[in-house]
Amino acid sequence: MTGAQIIERCRILAGMSETPDSITRTYLCPAMHDVHRTLRAWMEEAGMTVILDAAGNLRGSACGTAKDAPLLLIGSHVDTVPDAGAYDGVLGVMLAIALVRALGKRRPRVAIEVVAFSEEEGVRFGLPFIGSRALVGSLNDDLLVRRDARGVSVAQAIRDFGLDPARLPAAAIRRRLLGYLEFHIEQGPVLDFLGRTDRAFHAGPGGDRRGDPRTSGCRQRGTGRGPGDA
């Protein structure tokens, strides 16, 4: 795939939103069905076997050639903050799909799983990373009873989406992991100012939206590093 094709697919996903004039996709909102349907088709087109786990993560797998091959996870999130940009999260998913597609019939020794995480931003329930918590087996009962502004619990949101919270333990990864790779658009202006096209981050702060929302002079653009100065 060309870069232009990848960007065009991100723009297609941008049209799948809870709001008509902006991009907003909170955890397991109705628009996420369209996102999953579209991404599933693109994953299968790239030769992957696709499942939707009980937390709403869409996962496309490509087997490695080595026996008991370790697993390399590649992906990003497909939920958004309110009035989001078109490339936050979904660009990482599209690049991962394009990478597997570029392999064609060639397969590396390691197994690859592309993950479109259902939730990172923490907008709907005030606590982020529901999708990744499911993969590491830490989506516990205390989180499942948390409620959104309408009084809907996490467990009920999963049921309303057509999934079964009783199957959450099956979403946890049990096999040996090689690592996790995420391509993510830089949120801050520093790379552009410096004329840099990329930067590698080994860790970053998580987002927790339960605190005091008041800010002063803040230009953070997402839960990750804002200015790109690390």
C-alpha atoms as a PDB file:
ATOM      1  CA  MET A   1       0.000   0.000   0.000  1.00  0.00           C
ATOM      2  CA  THR A   2       1.125   3.534  -0.664  1.00  0.00           C
ATOM      3  CA  GLY A   3       1.146   6.238   1.976  1.00  0.00           C
ATOM      4  CA  ALA A   4      -1.704   7.971   0.160  1.00  0.00           C
ATOM      5  CA  GLN A   5      -3.812   4.806   0.323  1.00  0.00           C
ATOM      6  CA  ILE A   6      -3.169   4.438   4.048  1.00  0.00           C
ATOM      7  CA  ILE A   7      -4.193   8.055   4.661  1.00  0.00           C
ATOM      8  CA  GLU A   8      -7.320   7.578   2.548  1.00  0.00           C
ATOM      9  CA  ARG A   9      -8.333   4.595   4.668  1.00  0.00           C
ATOM     10  CA  CYS A  10      -7.847   6.667   7.816  1.00  0.00           C
ATOM     11  CA  ARG A  11     -10.166   9.265   6.296  1.00  0.00           C
ATOM     12  CA  ILE A  12     -12.760   6.562   5.625  1.00  0.00           C
ATOM     13  CA  LEU A  13     -12.662   5.545   9.293  1.00  0.00           C
ATOM     14  CA  ALA A  14     -12.942   9.211  10.288  1.00  0.00           C
ATOM     15  CA  GLY A  15     -16.443   9.211   8.814  1.00  0.00           C
ATOM     16  CA  MET A  16     -17.550   6.644  11.403  1.00  0.00           C
ATOM     17  CA  SER A  17     -18.487   8.751  14.402  1.00  0.00           C
ATOM     18  CA  GLU A  18     -21.051   9.321  17.125  1.00  0.00           C
ATOM     19  CA  THR A  19     -21.329  12.957  16.038  1.00  0.00           C
ATOM     20  CA  PRO A  20     -22.165  14.210  12.524  1.00  0.00           C
ATOM     21  CA  ASP A  21     -19.711  17.111  12.268  1.00  0.00           C
ATOM     22  CA  SER A  22     -16.688  15.821  14.187  1.00  0.00           C
ATOM     23  CA  ILE A  23     -14.860  12.605  15.030  1.00  0.00           C
ATOM     24  CA  THR A  24     -15.945  11.075  18.333  1.00  0.00           C
ATOM     25  CA  ARG A  25     -15.885   7.351  19.111  1.00  0.00           C
ATOM     26  CA  THR A  26     -16.146   6.321  22.732  1.00  0.00           C
ATOM     27  CA  TYR A  27     -15.874   2.759  23.983  1.00  0.00           C
ATOM     28  CA  LEU A  28     -18.220   0.375  22.133  1.00  0.00           C
ATOM     29  CA  CYS A  29     -20.408   3.129  20.714  1.00  0.00           C
ATOM     30  CA  PRO A  30     -22.633   2.131  17.747  1.00  0.00           C
ATOM     31  CA  ALA A  31     -20.167   3.612  15.237  1.00  0.00           C
ATOM     32  CA  MET A  32     -17.589   1.066  16.398  1.00  0.00           C
ATOM     33  CA  HIS A  33     -19.553  -1.649  14.588  1.00  0.00           C
ATOM     34  CA  ASP A  34     -18.788   0.100  11.288  1.00  0.00           C
ATOM     35  CA  VAL A  35     -15.123   0.496  12.249  1.00  0.00           C
ATOM     36  CA  HIS A  36     -14.840  -3.199  13.075  1.00  0.00           C
ATOM     37  CA  ARG A  37     -16.630  -4.270   9.898  1.00  0.00           C
ATOM     38  CA  THR A  38     -14.329  -2.144   7.746  1.00  0.00           C
ATOM     39  CA  LEU A  39     -11.107  -3.091   9.518  1.00  0.00           C
ATOM     40  CA  ARG A  40     -12.031  -6.774   9.470  1.00  0.00           C
ATOM     41  CA  ALA A  41     -12.360  -6.652   5.676  1.00  0.00           C
ATOM     42  CA  TRP A  42      -8.967  -4.946   5.346  1.00  0.00           C
ATOM     43  CA  MET A  43      -7.303  -7.408   7.734  1.00  0.00           C
ATOM     44  CA  GLU A  44      -8.733 -10.396   5.879  1.00  0.00           C
ATOM     45  CA  GLU A  45      -7.661  -8.836   2.587  1.00  0.00           C
ATOM     46  CA  ALA A  46      -4.120  -8.752   4.015  1.00  0.00           C
ATOM     47  CA  GLY A  47      -4.322 -12.489   4.745  1.00  0.00           C
ATOM     48  CA  MET A  48      -5.057 -12.374   8.470  1.00  0.00           C
ATOM     49  CA  THR A  49      -7.403 -14.501  10.557  1.00  0.00           C
ATOM     50  CA  VAL A  50      -9.617 -12.081  12.488  1.00  0.00           C
ATOM     51  CA  ILE A  51     -11.466 -12.312  15.803  1.00  0.00           C
ATOM     52  CA  LEU A  52     -13.317  -9.821  17.995  1.00  0.00           C
ATOM     53  CA  ASP A  53     -12.608 -10.492  21.654  1.00  0.00           C
ATOM     54  CA  ALA A  54     -15.003  -9.912  24.551  1.00  0.00           C
ATOM     55  CA  ALA A  55     -13.557  -6.469  25.304  1.00  0.00           C
ATOM     56  CA  GLY A  56     -14.183  -5.337  21.735  1.00  0.00           C
ATOM     57  CA  ASN A  57     -10.583  -5.543  20.525  1.00  0.00           C
ATOM     58  CA  LEU A  58     -10.385  -6.508  16.853  1.00  0.00           C
ATOM     59  CA  ARG A  59      -7.416  -8.846  16.395  1.00  0.00           C
ATOM     60  CA  GLY A  60      -5.905 -10.044  13.144  1.00  0.00           C
ATOM     61  CA  SER A  61      -3.306 -12.811  13.294  1.00  0.00           C
ATOM     62  CA  ALA A  62      -0.629 -14.004  10.873  1.00  0.00           C
ATOM     63  CA  CYS A  63       1.128 -17.227  11.862  1.00  0.00           C
ATOM     64  CA  GLY A  64       4.890 -17.417  12.115  1.00  0.00           C
ATOM     65  CA  THR A  65       6.942 -20.147  10.487  1.00  0.00           C
ATOM     66  CA  ALA A  66       8.793 -21.227  13.630  1.00  0.00           C
ATOM     67  CA  LYS A  67       7.282 -23.837  15.924  1.00  0.00           C
ATOM     68  CA  ASP A  68       6.013 -22.191  19.125  1.00  0.00           C
ATOM     69  CA  ALA A  69       6.914 -18.827  17.586  1.00  0.00           C
ATOM     70  CA  PRO A  70       6.755 -15.866  19.975  1.00  0.00           C
ATOM     71  CA  LEU A  71       4.093 -13.247  19.343  1.00  0.00           C
ATOM     72  CA  LEU A  72       4.754  -9.724  18.114  1.00  0.00           C
ATOM     73  CA  LEU A  73       1.817  -7.397  18.793  1.00  0.00           C
ATOM     74  CA  ILE A  74       1.411  -4.372  16.514  1.00  0.00           C
ATOM     75  CA  GLY A  75      -1.480  -1.952  16.775  1.00  0.00           C
ATOM     76  CA  SER A  76      -3.131   1.068  18.305  1.00  0.00           C
ATOM     77  CA  HIS A  77      -6.534   2.263  19.479  1.00  0.00           C
ATOM     78  CA  VAL A  78      -9.654   3.081  17.476  1.00  0.00           C
ATOM     79  CA  ASP A  79     -11.593   4.989  20.132  1.00  0.00           C
ATOM     80  CA  THR A  80     -11.132   8.760  20.276  1.00  0.00           C
ATOM     81  CA  VAL A  81     -11.406  11.814  22.439  1.00  0.00           C
ATOM     82  CA  PRO A  82     -14.292  14.169  21.557  1.00  0.00           C
ATOM     83  CA  ASP A  83     -13.656  16.129  18.353  1.00  0.00           C
ATOM     84  CA  ALA A  84     -10.559  14.082  17.556  1.00  0.00           C
ATOM     85  CA  GLY A  85      -8.111  14.168  14.683  1.00  0.00           C
ATOM     86  CA  ALA A  86      -8.438  11.734  11.807  1.00  0.00           C
ATOM     87  CA  TYR A  87      -5.167   9.903  12.420  1.00  0.00           C
ATOM     88  CA  ASP A  88      -4.875   9.536  16.194  1.00  0.00           C
ATOM     89  CA  GLY A  89      -4.793   5.800  16.859  1.00  0.00           C
ATOM     90  CA  VAL A  90      -6.183   4.578  13.549  1.00  0.00           C
ATOM     91  CA  LEU A  91      -3.005   5.466  11.664  1.00  0.00           C
ATOM     92  CA  GLY A  92      -1.133   2.966  13.835  1.00  0.00           C
ATOM     93  CA  VAL A  93      -3.679   0.275  13.042  1.00  0.00           C
ATOM     94  CA  MET A  94      -3.562   0.999   9.317  1.00  0.00           C
ATOM     95  CA  LEU A  95       0.242   0.934   9.224  1.00  0.00           C
ATOM     96  CA  ALA A  96       0.200  -2.421  11.006  1.00  0.00           C
ATOM     97  CA  ILE A  97      -2.248  -3.845   8.462  1.00  0.00           C
ATOM     98  CA  ALA A  98      -0.159  -2.442   5.614  1.00  0.00           C
ATOM     99  CA  LEU A  99       2.951  -4.071   7.066  1.00  0.00           C
ATOM    100  CA  VAL A 100       1.328  -7.523   7.138  1.00  0.00           C
ATOM    101  CA  ARG A 101      -0.106  -6.960   3.678  1.00  0.00           C
ATOM    102  CA  ALA A 102       3.369  -6.073   2.366  1.00  0.00           C
ATOM    103  CA  LEU A 103       4.658  -9.433   3.557  1.00  0.00           C
ATOM    104  CA  GLY A 104       2.328 -11.161   1.121  1.00  0.00           C
ATOM    105  CA  LYS A 105       2.907 -14.910   1.225  1.00  0.00           C
ATOM    106  CA  ARG A 106       6.191 -14.417   3.026  1.00  0.00           C
ATOM    107  CA  ARG A 107       5.935 -15.068   6.726  1.00  0.00           C
ATOM    108  CA  PRO A 108       8.525 -14.224   9.379  1.00  0.00           C
ATOM    109  CA  ARG A 109       9.534 -16.753  12.001  1.00  0.00           C
ATOM    110  CA  VAL A 110       7.541 -14.874  14.645  1.00  0.00           C
ATOM    111  CA  ALA A 111       3.762 -14.733  14.787  1.00  0.00           C
ATOM    112  CA  ILE A 112       2.191 -11.300  14.285  1.00  0.00           C
ATOM    113  CA  GLU A 113      -1.063 -10.062  15.762  1.00  0.00           C
ATOM    114  CA  VAL A 114      -2.501  -6.716  14.705  1.00  0.00           C
ATOM    115  CA  VAL A 115      -4.714  -5.253  17.427  1.00  0.00           C
ATOM    116  CA  ALA A 116      -7.258  -2.477  17.008  1.00  0.00           C
ATOM    117  CA  PHE A 117      -7.734  -1.693  20.683  1.00  0.00           C
ATOM    118  CA  SER A 118     -11.325  -0.854  21.576  1.00  0.00           C
ATOM    119  CA  GLU A 119     -10.469   1.692  24.263  1.00  0.00           C
ATOM    120  CA  GLU A 120      -7.506   3.783  25.327  1.00  0.00           C
ATOM    121  CA  GLU A 121      -8.758   7.302  25.923  1.00  0.00           C
ATOM    122  CA  GLY A 122     -10.886   6.774  29.048  1.00  0.00           C
ATOM    123  CA  VAL A 123     -13.602   9.138  27.850  1.00  0.00           C
ATOM    124  CA  ARG A 124     -16.731   7.094  28.481  1.00  0.00           C
ATOM    125  CA  PHE A 125     -15.923   5.489  31.834  1.00  0.00           C
ATOM    126  CA  GLY A 126     -13.236   7.806  33.218  1.00  0.00           C
ATOM    127  CA  LEU A 127     -10.531   5.151  33.239  1.00  0.00           C
ATOM    128  CA  PRO A 128      -8.436   4.329  30.181  1.00  0.00           C
ATOM    129  CA  PHE A 129      -6.986   1.196  28.574  1.00  0.00           C
ATOM    130  CA  ILE A 130      -9.971  -1.128  28.831  1.00  0.00           C
ATOM    131  CA  GLY A 131      -8.814  -2.878  25.663  1.00  0.00           C
ATOM    132  CA  SER A 132      -5.231  -3.475  26.744  1.00  0.00           C
ATOM    133  CA  ARG A 133      -6.318  -4.429  30.271  1.00  0.00           C
ATOM    134  CA  ALA A 134      -8.244  -7.305  28.701  1.00  0.00           C
ATOM    135  CA  LEU A 135      -5.150  -8.518  26.849  1.00  0.00           C
ATOM    136  CA  VAL A 136      -3.058  -8.639  30.021  1.00  0.00           C
ATOM    137  CA  GLY A 137      -5.862 -10.155  32.102  1.00  0.00           C
ATOM    138  CA  SER A 138      -6.407  -7.208  34.445  1.00  0.00           C
ATOM    139  CA  LEU A 139      -9.957  -6.203  33.486  1.00  0.00           C
ATOM    140  CA  ASN A 140     -11.343  -6.971  36.925  1.00  0.00           C
ATOM    141  CA  ASP A 141     -14.795  -6.848  38.503  1.00  0.00           C
ATOM    142  CA  ASP A 142     -14.191  -3.419  40.050  1.00  0.00           C
ATOM    143  CA  LEU A 143     -13.740  -1.949  36.580  1.00  0.00           C
ATOM    144  CA  LEU A 144     -16.652  -3.839  35.058  1.00  0.00           C
ATOM    145  CA  VAL A 145     -19.120  -2.182  37.438  1.00  0.00           C
ATOM    146  CA  ARG A 146     -17.946   1.360  36.660  1.00  0.00           C
ATOM    147  CA  ARG A 147     -20.701   3.431  35.062  1.00  0.00           C
ATOM    148  CA  ASP A 148     -20.779   6.076  32.386  1.00  0.00           C
ATOM    149  CA  ALA A 149     -22.729   9.362  32.528  1.00  0.00           C
ATOM    150  CA  ARG A 150     -25.927   7.534  31.572  1.00  0.00           C
ATOM    151  CA  GLY A 151     -25.538   4.931  34.313  1.00  0.00           C
ATOM    152  CA  VAL A 152     -24.464   2.107  31.975  1.00  0.00           C
ATOM    153  CA  SER A 153     -21.790  -0.167  33.436  1.00  0.00           C
ATOM    154  CA  VAL A 154     -18.764  -1.423  31.499  1.00  0.00           C
ATOM    155  CA  ALA A 155     -20.184  -4.949  31.654  1.00  0.00           C
ATOM    156  CA  GLN A 156     -23.542  -3.772  30.301  1.00  0.00           C
ATOM    157  CA  ALA A 157     -21.848  -1.796  27.522  1.00  0.00           C
ATOM    158  CA  ILE A 158     -20.106  -5.001  26.465  1.00  0.00           C
ATOM    159  CA  ARG A 159     -23.431  -6.850  26.423  1.00  0.00           C
ATOM    160  CA  ASP A 160     -25.163  -4.029  24.530  1.00  0.00           C
ATOM    161  CA  PHE A 161     -22.497  -4.311  21.843  1.00  0.00           C
ATOM    162  CA  GLY A 162     -23.324  -7.992  21.420  1.00  0.00           C
ATOM    163  CA  LEU A 163     -20.380  -9.399  23.386  1.00  0.00           C
ATOM    164  CA  ASP A 164     -20.211 -11.482  26.561  1.00  0.00           C
ATOM    165  CA  PRO A 165     -18.228 -10.184  29.569  1.00  0.00           C
ATOM    166  CA  ALA A 166     -18.072 -13.756  30.916  1.00  0.00           C
ATOM    167  CA  ARG A 167     -15.650 -14.478  28.055  1.00  0.00           C
ATOM    168  CA  LEU A 168     -13.178 -11.750  29.029  1.00  0.00           C
ATOM    169  CA  PRO A 169     -10.634 -14.220  30.495  1.00  0.00           C
ATOM    170  CA  ALA A 170     -10.280 -15.749  27.016  1.00  0.00           C
ATOM    171  CA  ALA A 171      -9.081 -12.371  25.675  1.00  0.00           C
ATOM    172  CA  ALA A 172      -5.883 -12.525  27.747  1.00  0.00           C
ATOM    173  CA  ILE A 173      -2.703 -13.406  25.871  1.00  0.00           C
ATOM    174  CA  ARG A 174      -1.195 -16.654  27.141  1.00  0.00           C
ATOM    175  CA  ARG A 175       1.612 -17.261  24.669  1.00  0.00           C
ATOM    176  CA  ARG A 176       5.181 -15.971  24.854  1.00  0.00           C
ATOM    177  CA  LEU A 177       5.477 -12.354  23.741  1.00  0.00           C
ATOM    178  CA  LEU A 178       8.313 -10.974  21.674  1.00  0.00           C
ATOM    179  CA  GLY A 179       7.166  -7.395  22.142  1.00  0.00           C
ATOM    180  CA  TYR A 180       4.687  -4.676  21.244  1.00  0.00           C
ATOM    181  CA  LEU A 181       5.101  -2.073  18.510  1.00  0.00           C
ATOM    182  CA  GLU A 182       2.865   0.934  17.994  1.00  0.00           C
ATOM    183  CA  PHE A 183       3.103   3.529  15.253  1.00  0.00           C
ATOM    184  CA  HIS A 184       1.502   6.696  16.591  1.00  0.00           C
ATOM    185  CA  ILE A 185       1.152  10.160  15.174  1.00  0.00           C
ATOM    186  CA  GLU A 186       3.129  12.696  17.183  1.00  0.00           C
ATOM    187  CA  GLN A 187       0.711  15.012  18.971  1.00  0.00           C
ATOM    188  CA  GLY A 188       3.082  17.924  19.580  1.00  0.00           C
ATOM    189  CA  PRO A 189       4.565  20.588  17.282  1.00  0.00           C
ATOM    190  CA  VAL A 190       8.234  20.020  18.128  1.00  0.00           C
ATOM    191  CA  LEU A 191       9.009  17.373  15.504  1.00  0.00           C
ATOM    192  CA  ASP A 192       7.501  19.564  12.818  1.00  0.00           C
ATOM    193  CA  PHE A 193       9.516  22.545  14.040  1.00  0.00           C
ATOM    194  CA  LEU A 194      12.737  20.498  14.009  1.00  0.00           C
ATOM    195  CA  GLY A 195      12.015  18.975  10.610  1.00  0.00           C
ATOM    196  CA  ARG A 196      12.046  15.471  12.102  1.00  0.00           C
ATOM    197  CA  THR A 197       9.781  12.754  10.718  1.00  0.00           C
ATOM    198  CA  ASP A 198       9.897  10.239  13.547  1.00  0.00           C
ATOM    199  CA  ARG A 199      10.964   9.528  17.104  1.00  0.00           C
ATOM    200  CA  ALA A 200      10.978   6.393  19.226  1.00  0.00           C
ATOM    201  CA  PHE A 201       9.393   6.353  22.694  1.00  0.00           C
ATOM    202  CA  HIS A 202      10.013   3.533  25.135  1.00  0.00           C
ATOM    203  CA  ALA A 203       7.388   4.635  27.668  1.00  0.00           C
ATOM    204  CA  GLY A 204       4.828   7.335  28.231  1.00  0.00           C
ATOM    205  CA  PRO A 205       2.285   8.518  30.795  1.00  0.00           C
ATOM    206  CA  GLY A 206      -1.131   6.932  30.892  1.00  0.00           C
ATOM    207  CA  GLY A 207      -4.347   8.911  30.951  1.00  0.00           C
ATOM    208  CA  ASP A 208      -6.733   8.966  33.877  1.00  0.00           C
ATOM    209  CA  ARG A 209      -9.783  11.176  33.415  1.00  0.00           C
ATOM    210  CA  ARG A 210     -11.132  10.905  36.946  1.00  0.00           C
ATOM    211  CA  GLY A 211      -9.289  13.954  38.263  1.00  0.00           C
ATOM    212  CA  ASP A 212      -9.947  17.680  38.284  1.00  0.00           C
ATOM    213  CA  PRO A 213     -10.481  18.740  34.653  1.00  0.00           C
ATOM    214  CA  ARG A 214      -9.366  22.344  35.204  1.00  0.00           C
ATOM    215  CA  THR A 215      -6.166  23.315  33.401  1.00  0.00           C
ATOM    216  CA  SER A 216      -4.248  26.498  32.838  1.00  0.00           C
ATOM    217  CA  GLY A 217      -1.916  27.160  29.933  1.00  0.00           C
ATOM    218  CA  CYS A 218      -1.945  23.509  28.902  1.00  0.00           C
ATOM    219  CA  ARG A 219      -1.437  22.399  25.312  1.00  0.00           C
ATOM    220  CA  GLN A 220      -1.437  18.638  25.818  1.00  0.00           C
ATOM    221  CA  ARG A 221      -2.857  16.850  22.761  1.00  0.00           C
ATOM    222  CA  GLY A 222      -3.753  13.385  23.991  1.00  0.00           C
ATOM    223  CA  THR A 223      -2.665  11.153  26.835  1.00  0.00           C
ATOM    224  CA  GLY A 224       0.798  10.593  25.398  1.00  0.00           C
ATOM    225  CA  ARG A 225       3.748  12.962  25.370  1.00  0.00           C
ATOM    226  CA  GLY A 226       2.665  16.364  24.128  1.00  0.00           C
ATOM    227  CA  PRO A 227       5.703  18.303  22.921  1.00  0.00           C
ATOM    228  CA  GLY A 228       7.841  15.335  21.937  1.00  0.00           C
ATOM    229  CA  ASP A 229      10.821  16.524  23.961  1.00  0.00           C
ATOM    230  CA  ALA A 230      11.919  13.225  25.519  1.00  0.00           C
END
